[in-house]
C-alpha atoms as a PDB file:
ATOM      1  CA  MET A   1      11.925 -42.104  77.222  1.00  0.00           C
ATOM      2  CA  ALA A   2      11.794 -43.601  80.530  1.00  0.00           C
ATOM      3  CA  SER A   3      14.695 -45.935  79.734  1.00  0.00           C
ATOM      4  CA  SER A   4      16.833 -43.113  78.588  1.00  0.00           C
ATOM      5  CA  LEU A   5      16.553 -41.251  81.974  1.00  0.00           C
ATOM      6  CA  PRO A   6      19.177 -43.392  84.083  1.00  0.00           C
ATOM      7  CA  GLU A   7      21.516 -43.259  81.168  1.00  0.00           C
ATOM      8  CA  ALA A   8      21.125 -39.490  81.157  1.00  0.00           C
ATOM      9  CA  ARG A   9      21.772 -39.308  84.874  1.00  0.00           C
ATOM     10  CA  GLU A  10      24.892 -41.477  84.511  1.00  0.00           C
ATOM     11  CA  ILE A  11      26.120 -39.111  81.767  1.00  0.00           C
ATOM     12  CA  GLN A  12      25.583 -36.092  84.309  1.00  0.00           C
ATOM     13  CA  ALA A  13      27.467 -37.999  86.970  1.00  0.00           C
ATOM     14  CA  GLN A  14      30.205 -38.634  84.582  1.00  0.00           C
ATOM     15  CA  LEU A  15      30.455 -34.975  83.513  1.00  0.00           C
ATOM     16  CA  LEU A  16      30.474 -34.084  87.354  1.00  0.00           C
ATOM     17  CA  LEU A  17      33.222 -36.582  88.037  1.00  0.00           C
ATOM     18  CA  ALA A  18      35.458 -35.144  85.166  1.00  0.00           C
ATOM     19  CA  ARG A  19      34.943 -31.652  86.303  1.00  0.00           C
ATOM     20  CA  VAL A  20      36.061 -32.383  89.767  1.00  0.00           C
ATOM     21  CA  ARG A  21      38.934 -34.632  88.643  1.00  0.00           C
ATOM     22  CA  HIS A  22      40.164 -31.931  86.554  1.00  0.00           C
ATOM     23  CA  SER A  23      40.131 -29.394  89.352  1.00  0.00           C
ATOM     24  CA  LEU A  24      41.780 -31.839  91.672  1.00  0.00           C
ATOM     25  CA  GLU A  25      44.348 -32.856  89.190  1.00  0.00           C
ATOM     26  CA  ARG A  26      45.204 -29.015  88.286  1.00  0.00           C
ATOM     27  CA  ALA A  27      45.222 -28.233  92.210  1.00  0.00           C
ATOM     28  CA  TRP A  28      47.635 -31.195  93.138  1.00  0.00           C
ATOM     29  CA  ARG A  29      49.965 -31.003  90.079  1.00  0.00           C
ATOM     30  CA  ARG A  30      50.527 -27.278  91.225  1.00  0.00           C
ATOM     31  CA  ALA A  31      50.793 -28.053  95.069  1.00  0.00           C
ATOM     32  CA  SER A  32      53.161 -30.843  94.367  1.00  0.00           C
ATOM     33  CA  ALA A  33      55.636 -28.561  92.520  1.00  0.00           C
ATOM     34  CA  GLN A  34      55.834 -26.424  95.600  1.00  0.00           C
ATOM     35  CA  GLY A  35      58.828 -26.915  98.175  1.00  0.00           C
ATOM     36  CA  ASP A  36      56.265 -27.064 101.036  1.00  0.00           C
ATOM     37  CA  PHE A  37      54.792 -30.232  99.604  1.00  0.00           C
ATOM     38  CA  SER A  38      57.762 -32.269 100.480  1.00  0.00           C
ATOM     39  CA  LEU A  39      57.569 -31.277 103.906  1.00  0.00           C
ATOM     40  CA  ALA A  40      53.914 -31.628 104.853  1.00  0.00           C
ATOM     41  CA  PRO A  41      52.282 -33.335 102.085  1.00  0.00           C
ATOM     42  CA  GLY A  42      49.519 -35.105 103.992  1.00  0.00           C
ATOM     43  CA  ARG A  43      48.373 -31.656 105.332  1.00  0.00           C
ATOM     44  CA  ILE A  44      48.588 -29.997 101.959  1.00  0.00           C
ATOM     45  CA  LEU A  45      46.541 -32.691 100.116  1.00  0.00           C
ATOM     46  CA  GLN A  46      43.949 -32.660 102.898  1.00  0.00           C
ATOM     47  CA  SER A  47      43.708 -28.826 102.566  1.00  0.00           C
ATOM     48  CA  LEU A  48      43.218 -29.277  98.726  1.00  0.00           C
ATOM     49  CA  LEU A  49      40.308 -31.962  99.448  1.00  0.00           C
ATOM     50  CA  ASP A  50      38.751 -29.562 101.898  1.00  0.00           C
ATOM     51  CA  ARG A  51      38.734 -26.735  99.124  1.00  0.00           C
ATOM     52  CA  ARG A  52      37.844 -28.849  96.065  1.00  0.00           C
ATOM     53  CA  CYS A  53      35.484 -31.595  97.071  1.00  0.00           C
ATOM     54  CA  GLY A  54      32.344 -29.516  97.858  1.00  0.00           C
ATOM     55  CA  LEU A  55      30.677 -30.423  94.500  1.00  0.00           C
ATOM     56  CA  MET A  56      30.926 -34.152  94.994  1.00  0.00           C
ATOM     57  CA  GLU A  57      29.711 -33.774  98.843  1.00  0.00           C
ATOM     58  CA  GLN A  58      26.627 -31.862  97.445  1.00  0.00           C
ATOM     59  CA  HIS A  59      25.943 -34.817  94.874  1.00  0.00           C
ATOM     60  CA  ALA A  60      27.070 -37.695  96.875  1.00  0.00           C
ATOM     61  CA  GLU A  61      23.958 -39.431  97.104  1.00  0.00           C
ATOM     62  CA  GLU A  62      23.353 -39.610  93.268  1.00  0.00           C
ATOM     63  CA  LEU A  63      27.070 -40.588  92.898  1.00  0.00           C
ATOM     64  CA  GLN A  64      26.787 -43.656  95.130  1.00  0.00           C
ATOM     65  CA  THR A  65      24.407 -45.077  92.417  1.00  0.00           C
ATOM     66  CA  TRP A  66      27.014 -44.984  89.824  1.00  0.00           C
ATOM     67  CA  LYS A  67      30.330 -45.274  91.815  1.00  0.00           C
ATOM     68  CA  HIS A  68      31.038 -48.787  90.710  1.00  0.00           C
ATOM     69  CA  SER A  69      30.798 -48.152  87.125  1.00  0.00           C
ATOM     70  CA  LEU A  70      32.588 -44.941  87.806  1.00  0.00           C
ATOM     71  CA  GLY A  71      35.313 -46.606  89.541  1.00  0.00           C
ATOM     72  CA  LEU A  72      34.615 -44.979  92.990  1.00  0.00           C
ATOM     73  CA  GLU A  73      35.091 -46.163  96.474  1.00  0.00           C
ATOM     74  CA  GLY A  74      33.654 -44.664  99.605  1.00  0.00           C
ATOM     75  CA  SER A  75      30.297 -44.210 101.382  1.00  0.00           C
ATOM     76  CA  SER A  76      30.454 -40.219 101.564  1.00  0.00           C
ATOM     77  CA  GLY A  77      31.083 -37.486  99.371  1.00  0.00           C
ATOM     78  CA  ALA A  78      34.608 -36.707 101.012  1.00  0.00           C
ATOM     79  CA  GLU A  79      35.614 -40.320 100.571  1.00  0.00           C
ATOM     80  CA  LEU A  80      34.563 -40.440  97.083  1.00  0.00           C
ATOM     81  CA  CYS A  81      36.405 -37.381  96.456  1.00  0.00           C
ATOM     82  CA  ARG A  82      39.467 -38.700  98.145  1.00  0.00           C
ATOM     83  CA  GLY A  83      39.382 -41.773  96.117  1.00  0.00           C
ATOM     84  CA  LEU A  84      39.431 -39.717  93.074  1.00  0.00           C
ATOM     85  CA  LEU A  85      42.330 -37.693  94.167  1.00  0.00           C
ATOM     86  CA  PHE A  86      44.260 -41.016  94.835  1.00  0.00           C
ATOM     87  CA  ALA A  87      43.341 -42.327  91.386  1.00  0.00           C
ATOM     88  CA  SER A  88      44.663 -39.134  89.788  1.00  0.00           C
ATOM     89  CA  LEU A  89      47.894 -39.056  91.755  1.00  0.00           C
ATOM     90  CA  ARG A  90      48.451 -42.908  91.116  1.00  0.00           C
ATOM     91  CA  GLU A  91      47.886 -42.254  87.440  1.00  0.00           C
ATOM     92  CA  GLY A  92      49.923 -38.979  87.173  1.00  0.00           C
ATOM     93  CA  LEU A  93      52.843 -40.057  89.306  1.00  0.00           C
ATOM     94  CA  ALA A  94      53.018 -43.567  88.067  1.00  0.00           C
ATOM     95  CA  LEU A  95      52.558 -44.952  91.678  1.00  0.00           C
ATOM     96  CA  PRO A  96      53.063 -48.611  92.387  1.00  0.00           C
ATOM     97  CA  GLU A  97      49.928 -50.610  91.456  1.00  0.00           C
ATOM     98  CA  ASP A  98      49.764 -52.419  94.979  1.00  0.00           C
ATOM     99  CA  LEU A  99      49.707 -49.013  96.712  1.00  0.00           C
ATOM    100  CA  THR A 100      46.312 -48.731  98.327  1.00  0.00           C
ATOM    101  CA  PRO A 101      44.676 -45.478  99.227  1.00  0.00           C
ATOM    102  CA  ALA A 102      44.704 -46.186 102.968  1.00  0.00           C
ATOM    103  CA  ARG A 103      48.435 -47.054 102.815  1.00  0.00           C
ATOM    104  CA  LEU A 104      49.268 -43.913 101.169  1.00  0.00           C
ATOM    105  CA  TRP A 105      47.311 -41.709 103.302  1.00  0.00           C
ATOM    106  CA  SER A 106      48.845 -43.496 106.248  1.00  0.00           C
ATOM    107  CA  LEU A 107      52.386 -43.046 104.955  1.00  0.00           C
ATOM    108  CA  LEU A 108      51.738 -39.349 104.339  1.00  0.00           C
ATOM    109  CA  GLU A 109      50.431 -39.079 107.913  1.00  0.00           C
ATOM    110  CA  GLN A 110      53.875 -40.354 108.997  1.00  0.00           C
ATOM    111  CA  VAL A 111      55.834 -37.993 107.011  1.00  0.00           C
ATOM    112  CA  ASP A 112      53.917 -35.063 108.316  1.00  0.00           C
ATOM    113  CA  ALA A 113      54.676 -36.423 111.797  1.00  0.00           C
ATOM    114  CA  ALA A 114      58.436 -36.691 110.953  1.00  0.00           C
ATOM    115  CA  TYR A 115      58.316 -33.155 109.796  1.00  0.00           C
ATOM    116  CA  GLU A 116      56.654 -31.704 112.817  1.00  0.00           C
ATOM    117  CA  GLN A 117      59.317 -33.583 115.216  1.00  0.00           C
ATOM    118  CA  LEU A 118      62.479 -33.223 113.226  1.00  0.00           C
ATOM    119  CA  VAL A 119      62.086 -29.718 111.702  1.00  0.00           C
ATOM    120  CA  VAL A 120      59.173 -27.755 113.496  1.00  0.00           C
ATOM    121  CA  ARG A 121      60.205 -28.709 116.953  1.00  0.00           C
ATOM    122  CA  GLU A 122      63.991 -29.040 116.544  1.00  0.00           C
ATOM    123  CA  ALA A 123      64.737 -26.069 114.256  1.00  0.00           C
ATOM    124  CA  SER A 124      62.160 -23.630 115.164  1.00  0.00           C
ATOM    125  CA  SER A 125      64.804 -21.192 116.829  1.00  0.00           C
ATOM    126  CA  SER A 126      67.840 -22.337 115.097  1.00  0.00           C
ATOM    127  CA  SER A 127      69.996 -20.630 112.344  1.00  0.00           C
ATOM    128  CA  GLU A 128      69.216 -20.852 108.593  1.00  0.00           C
ATOM    129  CA  SER A 129      71.976 -23.450 108.331  1.00  0.00           C
ATOM    130  CA  GLY A 130      70.616 -25.336 111.214  1.00  0.00           C
ATOM    131  CA  PHE A 131      67.234 -25.338 109.606  1.00  0.00           C
ATOM    132  CA  ARG A 132      68.740 -26.658 106.419  1.00  0.00           C
ATOM    133  CA  ALA A 133      70.372 -29.502 108.382  1.00  0.00           C
ATOM    134  CA  ALA A 134      67.154 -30.350 110.143  1.00  0.00           C
ATOM    135  CA  VAL A 135      65.370 -30.658 106.793  1.00  0.00           C
ATOM    136  CA  GLU A 136      68.054 -32.938 105.290  1.00  0.00           C
ATOM    137  CA  ARG A 137      67.592 -35.163 108.371  1.00  0.00           C
ATOM    138  CA  PHE A 138      63.796 -35.122 107.828  1.00  0.00           C
ATOM    139  CA  ARG A 139      64.322 -35.856 104.029  1.00  0.00           C
ATOM    140  CA  GLU A 140      66.205 -38.921 105.131  1.00  0.00           C
ATOM    141  CA  ALA A 141      63.618 -40.115 107.465  1.00  0.00           C
ATOM    142  CA  ARG A 142      60.976 -39.582 105.059  1.00  0.00           C
ATOM    143  CA  ARG A 143      62.846 -41.823 102.509  1.00  0.00           C
ATOM    144  CA  HIS A 144      63.173 -44.465 105.293  1.00  0.00           C
ATOM    145  CA  ILE A 145      59.405 -44.077 105.584  1.00  0.00           C
ATOM    146  CA  LEU A 146      58.213 -44.283 102.020  1.00  0.00           C
ATOM    147  CA  GLY A 147      61.113 -46.338 100.446  1.00  0.00           C
ATOM    148  CA  PRO A 148      63.475 -44.562  97.848  1.00  0.00           C
ATOM    149  CA  GLU A 149      61.429 -45.240  94.692  1.00  0.00           C
ATOM    150  CA  LEU A 150      58.037 -43.965  96.059  1.00  0.00           C
ATOM    151  CA  ASP A 151      60.016 -41.011  97.804  1.00  0.00           C
ATOM    152  CA  ALA A 152      61.234 -40.162  94.438  1.00  0.00           C
ATOM    153  CA  ARG A 153      58.035 -40.346  92.665  1.00  0.00           C
ATOM    154  CA  LEU A 154      56.043 -38.144  95.256  1.00  0.00           C
ATOM    155  CA  PHE A 155      58.554 -35.613  96.140  1.00  0.00           C
ATOM    156  CA  GLY A 156      61.253 -35.417  93.264  1.00  0.00           C
ATOM    157  CA  LEU A 157      59.990 -32.320  91.799  1.00  0.00           C
ATOM    158  CA  SER A 158      59.015 -30.433  95.154  1.00  0.00           C
ATOM    159  CA  ASP A 159      62.324 -31.152  96.526  1.00  0.00           C
ATOM    160  CA  ASP A 160      64.155 -30.163  93.571  1.00  0.00           C
ATOM    161  CA  VAL A 161      62.081 -26.688  94.065  1.00  0.00           C
ATOM    162  CA  LEU A 162      62.702 -26.630  97.707  1.00  0.00           C
ATOM    163  CA  LEU A 163      66.415 -26.751  97.294  1.00  0.00           C
ATOM    164  CA  LEU A 164      66.694 -23.994  94.508  1.00  0.00           C
ATOM    165  CA  PRO A 165      67.521 -21.104  97.062  1.00  0.00           C
ATOM    166  CA  SER A 166      70.118 -23.097  98.820  1.00  0.00           C
ATOM    167  CA  GLN A 167      71.416 -23.800  95.192  1.00  0.00           C
ATOM    168  CA  VAL A 168      71.478 -20.061  94.785  1.00  0.00           C
ATOM    169  CA  ASP A 169      73.467 -19.687  97.940  1.00  0.00           C
ATOM    170  CA  ALA A 170      75.944 -22.363  97.143  1.00  0.00           C
ATOM    171  CA  LEU A 171      76.766 -20.524  93.597  1.00  0.00           C
ATOM    172  CA  LEU A 172      77.305 -17.191  95.446  1.00  0.00           C
ATOM    173  CA  ARG A 173      79.651 -18.815  98.108  1.00  0.00           C
ATOM    174  CA  ALA A 174      81.638 -20.678  95.199  1.00  0.00           C
ATOM    175  CA  PRO A 175      84.678 -18.688  94.284  1.00  0.00           C
ATOM    176  CA  GLY A 176      85.966 -17.667  90.946  1.00  0.00           C
ATOM    177  CA  ALA A 177      82.877 -17.809  88.923  1.00  0.00           C
ATOM    178  CA  SER A 178      81.482 -14.790  87.192  1.00  0.00           C
ATOM    179  CA  VAL A 179      78.026 -13.697  87.572  1.00  0.00           C
ATOM    180  CA  GLU A 180      77.224 -14.897  84.041  1.00  0.00           C
ATOM    181  CA  GLN A 181      78.684 -18.204  84.721  1.00  0.00           C
ATOM    182  CA  ASN A 182      76.564 -18.532  87.846  1.00  0.00           C
ATOM    183  CA  VAL A 183      73.559 -17.471  86.058  1.00  0.00           C
ATOM    184  CA  ALA A 184      74.138 -19.987  83.359  1.00  0.00           C
ATOM    185  CA  THR A 185      74.648 -22.637  85.938  1.00  0.00           C
ATOM    186  CA  TRP A 186      71.355 -21.939  87.595  1.00  0.00           C
ATOM    187  CA  ARG A 187      69.572 -21.657  84.288  1.00  0.00           C
ATOM    188  CA  ALA A 188      71.072 -25.050  83.503  1.00  0.00           C
ATOM    189  CA  GLY A 189      69.754 -26.289  86.788  1.00  0.00           C
ATOM    190  CA  LEU A 190      66.244 -25.212  85.962  1.00  0.00           C
ATOM    191  CA  GLN A 191      66.297 -26.837  82.498  1.00  0.00           C
ATOM    192  CA  ARG A 192      67.287 -30.010  84.094  1.00  0.00           C
ATOM    193  CA  ILE A 193      64.316 -29.975  86.394  1.00  0.00           C
ATOM    194  CA  GLU A 194      61.961 -29.209  83.607  1.00  0.00           C
ATOM    195  CA  ARG A 195      63.484 -31.951  81.503  1.00  0.00           C
ATOM    196  CA  GLU A 196      63.425 -34.634  84.251  1.00  0.00           C
ATOM    197  CA  HIS A 197      59.989 -33.787  85.622  1.00  0.00           C
ATOM    198  CA  GLY A 198      58.260 -32.933  82.380  1.00  0.00           C
ATOM    199  CA  VAL A 199      57.053 -29.517  83.546  1.00  0.00           C
ATOM    200  CA  ARG A 200      57.424 -25.909  82.779  1.00  0.00           C
ATOM    201  CA  LEU A 201      58.742 -24.261  86.057  1.00  0.00           C
ATOM    202  CA  ALA A 202      56.893 -21.034  85.374  1.00  0.00           C
ATOM    203  CA  ASP A 203      53.722 -22.959  85.352  1.00  0.00           C
ATOM    204  CA  VAL A 204      54.165 -24.632  88.606  1.00  0.00           C
ATOM    205  CA  MET A 205      56.147 -21.834  90.503  1.00  0.00           C
ATOM    206  CA  GLU A 206      55.628 -18.230  90.997  1.00  0.00           C
ATOM    207  CA  PRO A 207      57.541 -16.517  88.145  1.00  0.00           C
ATOM    208  CA  LEU A 208      58.327 -13.822  90.571  1.00  0.00           C
ATOM    209  CA  GLU A 209      60.443 -16.080  92.744  1.00  0.00           C
ATOM    210  CA  LEU A 210      62.442 -17.277  89.750  1.00  0.00           C
ATOM    211  CA  ALA A 211      63.051 -13.658  88.850  1.00  0.00           C
ATOM    212  CA  ARG A 212      64.331 -12.825  92.404  1.00  0.00           C
ATOM    213  CA  GLN A 213      66.740 -15.696  92.532  1.00  0.00           C
ATOM    214  CA  GLU A 214      68.205 -14.488  89.286  1.00  0.00           C
ATOM    215  CA  LEU A 215      68.356 -11.067  90.696  1.00  0.00           C
ATOM    216  CA  ARG A 216      70.359 -12.357  93.775  1.00  0.00           C
ATOM    217  CA  LEU A 217      72.855 -14.056  91.404  1.00  0.00           C
ATOM    218  CA  ARG A 218      73.067 -10.929  89.327  1.00  0.00           C
ATOM    219  CA  GLU A 219      73.549  -8.443  92.161  1.00  0.00           C
ATOM    220  CA  ALA A 220      76.505 -10.322  93.408  1.00  0.00           C
ATOM    221  CA  SER A 221      78.665  -7.791  91.511  1.00  0.00           C
ATOM    222  CA  GLY A 222      76.771  -4.978  92.859  1.00  0.00           C
ATOM    223  CA  PRO A 223      73.504  -3.194  92.553  1.00  0.00           C
ATOM    224  CA  LEU A 224      71.518  -3.334  89.312  1.00  0.00           C
ATOM    225  CA  ASP A 225      70.133  -0.212  87.977  1.00  0.00           C
ATOM    226  CA  GLU A 226      66.365  -0.090  87.239  1.00  0.00           C
ATOM    227  CA  GLU A 227      66.405  -1.116  83.542  1.00  0.00           C
ATOM    228  CA  ALA A 228      68.724  -4.198  84.234  1.00  0.00           C
ATOM    229  CA  ARG A 229      66.267  -5.156  87.118  1.00  0.00           C
ATOM    230  CA  ARG A 230      63.275  -4.684  84.939  1.00  0.00           C
ATOM    231  CA  ALA A 231      64.896  -7.019  82.157  1.00  0.00           C
ATOM    232  CA  VAL A 232      65.042  -9.599  84.704  1.00  0.00           C
ATOM    233  CA  LEU A 233      61.700  -9.253  85.867  1.00  0.00           C
ATOM    234  CA  GLU A 234      59.978  -9.112  82.748  1.00  0.00           C
ATOM    235  CA  ARG A 235      61.923 -11.984  81.350  1.00  0.00           C
ATOM    236  CA  HIS A 236      60.321 -14.405  83.978  1.00  0.00           C
ATOM    237  CA  ALA A 237      57.215 -12.381  85.071  1.00  0.00           C
ATOM    238  CA  GLY A 238      56.071 -10.197  82.300  1.00  0.00           C
ATOM    239  CA  PRO A 239      55.893  -6.662  81.793  1.00  0.00           C
ATOM    240  CA  GLU A 240      52.741  -6.027  84.186  1.00  0.00           C
ATOM    241  CA  VAL A 241      54.205  -7.785  87.179  1.00  0.00           C
ATOM    242  CA  ALA A 242      57.684  -6.194  86.730  1.00  0.00           C
ATOM    243  CA  SER A 243      56.007  -2.754  86.939  1.00  0.00           C
ATOM    244  CA  ARG A 244      54.274  -3.591  90.155  1.00  0.00           C
ATOM    245  CA  GLU A 245      57.399  -5.213  91.597  1.00  0.00           C
ATOM    246  CA  LEU A 246      59.431  -1.924  90.558  1.00  0.00           C
ATOM    247  CA  ALA A 247      56.628   0.436  92.047  1.00  0.00           C
ATOM    248  CA  PHE A 248      56.580  -1.390  95.312  1.00  0.00           C
ATOM    249  CA  ARG A 249      60.442  -1.579  95.443  1.00  0.00           C
ATOM    250  CA  HIS A 250      60.390   2.361  95.035  1.00  0.00           C
ATOM    251  CA  GLU A 251      57.620   2.678  97.786  1.00  0.00           C
ATOM    252  CA  GLN A 252      59.694   0.607 100.169  1.00  0.00           C
ATOM    253  CA  GLN A 253      62.741   2.496  99.280  1.00  0.00           C
ATOM    254  CA  GLU A 254      61.120   5.844  99.848  1.00  0.00           C
ATOM    255  CA  LEU A 255      59.510   4.713 103.132  1.00  0.00           C
ATOM    256  CA  ALA A 256      63.009   3.678 104.342  1.00  0.00           C
ATOM    257  CA  GLU A 257      64.205   7.169 103.479  1.00  0.00           C
ATOM    258  CA  ARG A 258      61.486   8.727 105.391  1.00  0.00           C
ATOM    259  CA  LEU A 259      61.872   6.410 108.385  1.00  0.00           C
ATOM    260  CA  SER A 260      65.572   7.307 108.556  1.00  0.00           C
ATOM    261  CA  ALA A 261      64.966  11.261 108.313  1.00  0.00           C
ATOM    262  CA  PHE A 262      62.213  10.832 111.089  1.00  0.00           C
ATOM    263  CA  ASN A 263      64.614   9.020 113.272  1.00  0.00           C
ATOM    264  CA  ALA A 264      67.442  11.475 112.764  1.00  0.00           C
ATOM    265  CA  GLU A 265      65.360  14.592 113.366  1.00  0.00           C
ATOM    266  CA  ARG A 266      63.806  13.088 116.434  1.00  0.00           C
ATOM    267  CA  GLU A 267      66.960  12.104 118.079  1.00  0.00           C
ATOM    268  CA  GLN A 268      68.332  15.887 117.150  1.00  0.00           C
ATOM    269  CA  LEU A 269      65.215  17.316 118.868  1.00  0.00           C
ATOM    270  CA  LEU A 270      65.780  15.120 121.896  1.00  0.00           C
ATOM    271  CA  GLU A 271      69.423  15.989 122.212  1.00  0.00           C
ATOM    272  CA  LYS A 272      68.561  19.766 121.934  1.00  0.00           C
ATOM    273  CA  LEU A 273      65.837  19.366 124.624  1.00  0.00           C
ATOM    274  CA  ARG A 274      68.303  17.722 126.953  1.00  0.00           C
ATOM    275  CA  GLY A 275      70.769  20.325 126.474  1.00  0.00           C
ATOM    276  CA  GLU A 276      68.057  22.695 127.458  1.00  0.00           C
ATOM    277  CA  GLY A 277      67.985  20.898 130.613  1.00  0.00           C
ATOM    278  CA  LEU A 278      64.785  18.615 130.281  1.00  0.00           C
ATOM    279  CA  THR A 279      64.886  15.322 132.354  1.00  0.00           C
ATOM    280  CA  GLU A 280      64.211  12.013 130.836  1.00  0.00           C
ATOM    281  CA  ALA A 281      60.807  12.197 132.482  1.00  0.00           C
ATOM    282  CA  GLN A 282      59.995  15.344 131.104  1.00  0.00           C
ATOM    283  CA  LEU A 283      61.132  14.245 127.783  1.00  0.00           C
ATOM    284  CA  ARG A 284      58.906  11.148 127.892  1.00  0.00           C
ATOM    285  CA  GLU A 285      55.955  13.503 128.370  1.00  0.00           C
ATOM    286  CA  ARG A 286      56.983  15.555 125.385  1.00  0.00           C
ATOM    287  CA  LEU A 287      57.514  12.399 123.078  1.00  0.00           C
ATOM    288  CA  PRO A 288      53.851  12.255 121.948  1.00  0.00           C
ATOM    289  CA  GLU A 289      53.720  15.554 120.696  1.00  0.00           C
ATOM    290  CA  ILE A 290      57.018  15.390 118.903  1.00  0.00           C
ATOM    291  CA  ASP A 291      56.203  12.203 117.216  1.00  0.00           C
ATOM    292  CA  GLN A 292      52.888  13.223 116.126  1.00  0.00           C
ATOM    293  CA  ARG A 293      54.460  16.231 114.548  1.00  0.00           C
ATOM    294  CA  LEU A 294      57.169  14.287 112.773  1.00  0.00           C
ATOM    295  CA  PHE A 295      54.711  11.579 111.645  1.00  0.00           C
ATOM    296  CA  GLU A 296      52.960  14.212 109.765  1.00  0.00           C
ATOM    297  CA  LYS A 297      56.029  15.783 108.511  1.00  0.00           C
ATOM    298  CA  TYR A 298      57.289  12.780 107.036  1.00  0.00           C
ATOM    299  CA  HIS A 299      53.810  11.284 105.935  1.00  0.00           C
ATOM    300  CA  LEU A 300      54.242   8.146 108.120  1.00  0.00           C
ATOM    301  CA  ARG A 301      50.587   7.863 108.747  1.00  0.00           C
END
């Protein structure tokens, strides 16, 4: 009975490890498919560790007993968890065997610093085209830091996701193609990403974002009616999400109409009072009462 106790504890440690690894793997796979991952990967992975390593930190002492047989390294729960994440990344992304955890984290810190310098600082107040140019300069710097092969393994999927909106923009600017041709080209691009990276985009991206991209392409020929919009939303995100999105759109449209009516009547009232001889100072005194009445009339509070 006594001899079986250490074995039972080791099995418990293995189960704990499997649970945490499964959680980490699901989290980093989803994170690595987001466009932001290719911009600030070190910060994103650290945030992931901060949120997912509590269980290992709680059981760090008992895990230390079995860390060698479990293939773990580190003297604290956080270090053990980081090592577990590295092992999952190396296996899932086929990272080079000679890449050490310390080397990977150091490289990712350099990538984060390059993003801060080349994108955040330089493009914080620039135009959309300026931001995209800054991102391209950053991607070149990132490839220089990591090397082309490691860069592609780490960021191939997230780069493709990051560039999807700009590809929609390019299709909208291209002359001659019909809406259906553009949608077909866009869908072929989605299929290529799924095929090359072995993922289903609806599993790693917000389906609503894919729906919005297709809607942009379809609205190039004019506004869609509600049924056409619903069909696109349901195809990507399902009936429930489609209904919520349409309801939100209706609310926003109604709000915009009430705001427009509020502003128009407010200006009419001010013009009428000016015509009655009120000065600007007197108008400012009357504004709170006017606004309160109009807020209530147009249900803006």
